[in-house]
Amino acid sequence: MSLWQNTKFKEDSMTRVKISKARKLKKKDFNRTFIKKYCKFLGYTALAIVGIIAFIHLWIGAVNQHMDKVDAIRQGVVFDD
């Protein structure tokens, strides 16, 4: 009877170890996928922010150029365009 209990305990402990290893692997895999997704999200966010900054920069530059041209026309400067 004690021999059967020992083998039963050993089988249970081995399955517990296997379960523990599987959980650790799942946790590592989850951490890797989470980090990959987080980096991807940060990359796209940074790309969107850079795009918005570039768009605003070009828009403000165009407005300034237009305002300079309007001021020149008001002052009577003739353009040779």
N, C-alpha and C. Protein backbone atom coordinates (compact mmCIF):
# COMPACT_ATOMS: atom_id res chain seq x y z
N MET A 1 0.82 -1.19 0.00
CA MET A 1 0.00 0.00 0.00
C MET A 1 0.87 1.26 0.00
N SER A 2 1.91 1.27 0.77
CA SER A 2 2.76 2.45 0.81
C SER A 2 3.51 2.61 -0.51
N LEU A 3 3.84 1.49 -1.15
CA LEU A 3 4.51 1.57 -2.44
C LEU A 3 3.59 2.22 -3.47
N TRP A 4 2.34 1.84 -3.46
CA TRP A 4 1.37 2.42 -4.41
C TRP A 4 1.20 3.91 -4.13
N GLN A 5 1.16 4.29 -2.88
CA GLN A 5 1.01 5.70 -2.52
C GLN A 5 2.23 6.50 -2.97
N ASN A 6 3.41 5.91 -2.82
CA ASN A 6 4.61 6.62 -3.25
C ASN A 6 4.62 6.83 -4.76
N THR A 7 4.26 5.81 -5.50
CA THR A 7 4.25 5.97 -6.96
C THR A 7 3.16 6.95 -7.37
N LYS A 8 2.04 6.89 -6.69
CA LYS A 8 0.96 7.83 -6.98
C LYS A 8 1.43 9.25 -6.69
N PHE A 9 2.13 9.45 -5.59
CA PHE A 9 2.62 10.77 -5.24
C PHE A 9 3.65 11.25 -6.26
N LYS A 10 4.52 10.35 -6.69
CA LYS A 10 5.53 10.71 -7.68
C LYS A 10 4.88 11.10 -9.00
N GLU A 11 3.86 10.37 -9.40
CA GLU A 11 3.15 10.71 -10.63
C GLU A 11 2.50 12.09 -10.50
N ASP A 12 1.88 12.35 -9.35
CA ASP A 12 1.25 13.65 -9.14
C ASP A 12 2.28 14.76 -9.14
N SER A 13 3.41 14.52 -8.47
CA SER A 13 4.42 15.56 -8.41
C SER A 13 5.01 15.82 -9.80
N MET A 14 5.14 14.79 -10.61
CA MET A 14 5.65 15.00 -11.96
C MET A 14 4.66 15.80 -12.79
N THR A 15 3.39 15.51 -12.65
CA THR A 15 2.41 16.28 -13.41
C THR A 15 2.36 17.71 -12.91
N ARG A 16 2.55 17.90 -11.62
CA ARG A 16 2.58 19.27 -11.09
C ARG A 16 3.77 20.03 -11.65
N VAL A 17 4.90 19.35 -11.74
CA VAL A 17 6.08 19.99 -12.31
C VAL A 17 5.83 20.33 -13.77
N LYS A 18 5.23 19.40 -14.49
CA LYS A 18 4.93 19.64 -15.90
C LYS A 18 3.96 20.82 -16.05
N ILE A 19 2.97 20.84 -15.19
CA ILE A 19 2.00 21.95 -15.23
C ILE A 19 2.71 23.26 -14.91
N SER A 20 3.57 23.22 -13.93
CA SER A 20 4.31 24.43 -13.55
C SER A 20 5.18 24.91 -14.71
N LYS A 21 5.87 23.98 -15.39
CA LYS A 21 6.70 24.35 -16.53
C LYS A 21 5.85 24.90 -17.66
N ALA A 22 4.71 24.29 -17.88
CA ALA A 22 3.82 24.76 -18.94
C ALA A 22 3.32 26.17 -18.63
N ARG A 23 3.01 26.42 -17.37
CA ARG A 23 2.57 27.77 -16.99
C ARG A 23 3.67 28.79 -17.19
N LYS A 24 4.90 28.41 -16.82
CA LYS A 24 6.02 29.32 -17.01
C LYS A 24 6.23 29.62 -18.49
N LEU A 25 6.12 28.58 -19.33
CA LEU A 25 6.27 28.79 -20.76
C LEU A 25 5.17 29.69 -21.29
N LYS A 26 3.93 29.45 -20.83
CA LYS A 26 2.83 30.30 -21.26
C LYS A 26 3.06 31.74 -20.83
N LYS A 27 3.57 31.91 -19.60
CA LYS A 27 3.83 33.25 -19.10
C LYS A 27 4.92 33.93 -19.92
N LYS A 28 6.00 33.19 -20.24
CA LYS A 28 7.07 33.76 -21.06
C LYS A 28 6.54 34.11 -22.44
N ASP A 29 5.75 33.20 -23.01
CA ASP A 29 5.18 33.46 -24.33
C ASP A 29 4.27 34.67 -24.29
N PHE A 30 3.45 34.77 -23.25
CA PHE A 30 2.57 35.93 -23.10
C PHE A 30 3.38 37.21 -22.98
N ASN A 31 4.44 37.17 -22.18
CA ASN A 31 5.29 38.36 -22.02
C ASN A 31 5.90 38.77 -23.34
N ARG A 32 6.38 37.79 -24.12
CA ARG A 32 6.98 38.10 -25.42
C ARG A 32 5.95 38.73 -26.35
N THR A 33 4.77 38.12 -26.43
CA THR A 33 3.75 38.66 -27.33
C THR A 33 3.28 40.02 -26.85
N PHE A 34 3.16 40.19 -25.55
CA PHE A 34 2.73 41.49 -25.02
C PHE A 34 3.76 42.57 -25.35
N ILE A 35 5.04 42.25 -25.17
CA ILE A 35 6.09 43.22 -25.48
C ILE A 35 6.10 43.53 -26.97
N LYS A 36 5.92 42.52 -27.80
CA LYS A 36 5.88 42.76 -29.25
C LYS A 36 4.70 43.66 -29.62
N LYS A 37 3.54 43.37 -29.06
CA LYS A 37 2.36 44.19 -29.35
C LYS A 37 2.53 45.61 -28.83
N TYR A 38 3.13 45.75 -27.65
CA TYR A 38 3.35 47.07 -27.07
C TYR A 38 4.33 47.88 -27.91
N CYS A 39 5.40 47.24 -28.36
CA CYS A 39 6.38 47.94 -29.22
C CYS A 39 5.74 48.32 -30.55
N LYS A 40 4.91 47.44 -31.08
CA LYS A 40 4.23 47.75 -32.34
C LYS A 40 3.30 48.95 -32.15
N PHE A 41 2.57 48.96 -31.04
CA PHE A 41 1.68 50.07 -30.73
C PHE A 41 2.47 51.37 -30.58
N LEU A 42 3.59 51.32 -29.86
CA LEU A 42 4.41 52.52 -29.70
C LEU A 42 4.98 52.99 -31.03
N GLY A 43 5.36 52.05 -31.89
CA GLY A 43 5.89 52.41 -33.20
C GLY A 43 4.86 53.13 -34.05
N TYR A 44 3.66 52.56 -34.10
CA TYR A 44 2.60 53.20 -34.89
C TYR A 44 2.20 54.54 -34.29
N THR A 45 2.18 54.64 -32.97
CA THR A 45 1.85 55.90 -32.32
C THR A 45 2.90 56.96 -32.64
N ALA A 46 4.16 56.58 -32.56
CA ALA A 46 5.24 57.52 -32.89
C ALA A 46 5.16 57.94 -34.35
N LEU A 47 4.87 56.99 -35.23
CA LEU A 47 4.74 57.31 -36.65
C LEU A 47 3.59 58.28 -36.89
N ALA A 48 2.48 58.07 -36.22
CA ALA A 48 1.33 58.98 -36.36
C ALA A 48 1.67 60.37 -35.84
N ILE A 49 2.37 60.44 -34.72
CA ILE A 49 2.73 61.74 -34.16
C ILE A 49 3.69 62.48 -35.09
N VAL A 50 4.67 61.77 -35.64
CA VAL A 50 5.60 62.40 -36.59
C VAL A 50 4.85 62.89 -37.82
N GLY A 51 3.90 62.10 -38.31
CA GLY A 51 3.10 62.51 -39.45
C GLY A 51 2.28 63.76 -39.17
N ILE A 52 1.68 63.81 -38.00
CA ILE A 52 0.88 64.99 -37.63
C ILE A 52 1.76 66.22 -37.51
N ILE A 53 2.94 66.06 -36.90
CA ILE A 53 3.86 67.20 -36.77
C ILE A 53 4.30 67.68 -38.14
N ALA A 54 4.62 66.76 -39.04
CA ALA A 54 5.04 67.16 -40.39
C ALA A 54 3.91 67.88 -41.12
N PHE A 55 2.69 67.37 -41.00
CA PHE A 55 1.54 67.99 -41.66
C PHE A 55 1.31 69.41 -41.13
N ILE A 56 1.35 69.58 -39.81
CA ILE A 56 1.15 70.91 -39.22
C ILE A 56 2.28 71.85 -39.63
N HIS A 57 3.50 71.33 -39.66
CA HIS A 57 4.64 72.14 -40.07
C HIS A 57 4.46 72.65 -41.51
N LEU A 58 4.07 71.77 -42.41
CA LEU A 58 3.86 72.18 -43.80
C LEU A 58 2.68 73.15 -43.92
N TRP A 59 1.63 72.90 -43.17
CA TRP A 59 0.45 73.75 -43.22
C TRP A 59 0.78 75.17 -42.73
N ILE A 60 1.51 75.26 -41.61
CA ILE A 60 1.89 76.58 -41.08
C ILE A 60 2.83 77.29 -42.05
N GLY A 61 3.75 76.55 -42.66
CA GLY A 61 4.65 77.14 -43.64
C GLY A 61 3.89 77.69 -44.84
N ALA A 62 2.89 76.94 -45.30
CA ALA A 62 2.09 77.41 -46.44
C ALA A 62 1.29 78.66 -46.06
N VAL A 63 0.74 78.67 -44.87
CA VAL A 63 -0.03 79.84 -44.41
C VAL A 63 0.88 81.06 -44.30
N ASN A 64 2.07 80.88 -43.76
CA ASN A 64 3.01 82.00 -43.64
C ASN A 64 3.42 82.52 -45.02
N GLN A 65 3.67 81.60 -45.94
CA GLN A 65 4.05 82.02 -47.29
C GLN A 65 2.90 82.79 -47.95
N HIS A 66 1.69 82.31 -47.76
CA HIS A 66 0.53 82.99 -48.33
C HIS A 66 0.34 84.38 -47.70
N MET A 67 0.51 84.47 -46.38
CA MET A 67 0.36 85.76 -45.72
C MET A 67 1.44 86.75 -46.17
N ASP A 68 2.67 86.26 -46.39
CA ASP A 68 3.72 87.14 -46.91
C ASP A 68 3.36 87.66 -48.29
N LYS A 69 2.80 86.77 -49.11
CA LYS A 69 2.40 87.17 -50.46
C LYS A 69 1.25 88.19 -50.40
N VAL A 70 0.29 87.98 -49.53
CA VAL A 70 -0.84 88.91 -49.38
C VAL A 70 -0.33 90.27 -48.89
N ASP A 71 0.58 90.26 -47.93
CA ASP A 71 1.15 91.53 -47.44
C ASP A 71 1.91 92.25 -48.55
N ALA A 72 2.63 91.50 -49.37
CA ALA A 72 3.37 92.12 -50.48
C ALA A 72 2.41 92.72 -51.50
N ILE A 73 1.32 92.03 -51.77
CA ILE A 73 0.33 92.55 -52.72
C ILE A 73 -0.29 93.83 -52.15
N ARG A 74 -0.58 93.85 -50.86
CA ARG A 74 -1.14 95.04 -50.23
C ARG A 74 -0.18 96.23 -50.31
N GLN A 75 1.12 95.93 -50.26
CA GLN A 75 2.10 97.01 -50.34
C GLN A 75 2.39 97.40 -51.79
N GLY A 76 1.84 96.71 -52.74
CA GLY A 76 1.98 97.07 -54.14
C GLY A 76 3.18 96.48 -54.84
N VAL A 77 3.75 95.39 -54.33
CA VAL A 77 4.88 94.75 -54.99
C VAL A 77 4.36 93.95 -56.17
N VAL A 78 5.03 94.08 -57.32
CA VAL A 78 4.63 93.37 -58.53
C VAL A 78 5.44 92.07 -58.61
N PHE A 79 4.74 90.98 -58.84
CA PHE A 79 5.40 89.67 -58.97
C PHE A 79 5.58 89.34 -60.43
N ASP A 80 6.66 88.70 -60.74
CA ASP A 80 6.93 88.26 -62.11
C ASP A 80 6.66 86.77 -62.28
N ASP A 81 5.68 86.27 -61.63
CA ASP A 81 5.37 84.83 -61.69
C ASP A 81 4.99 84.40 -63.06
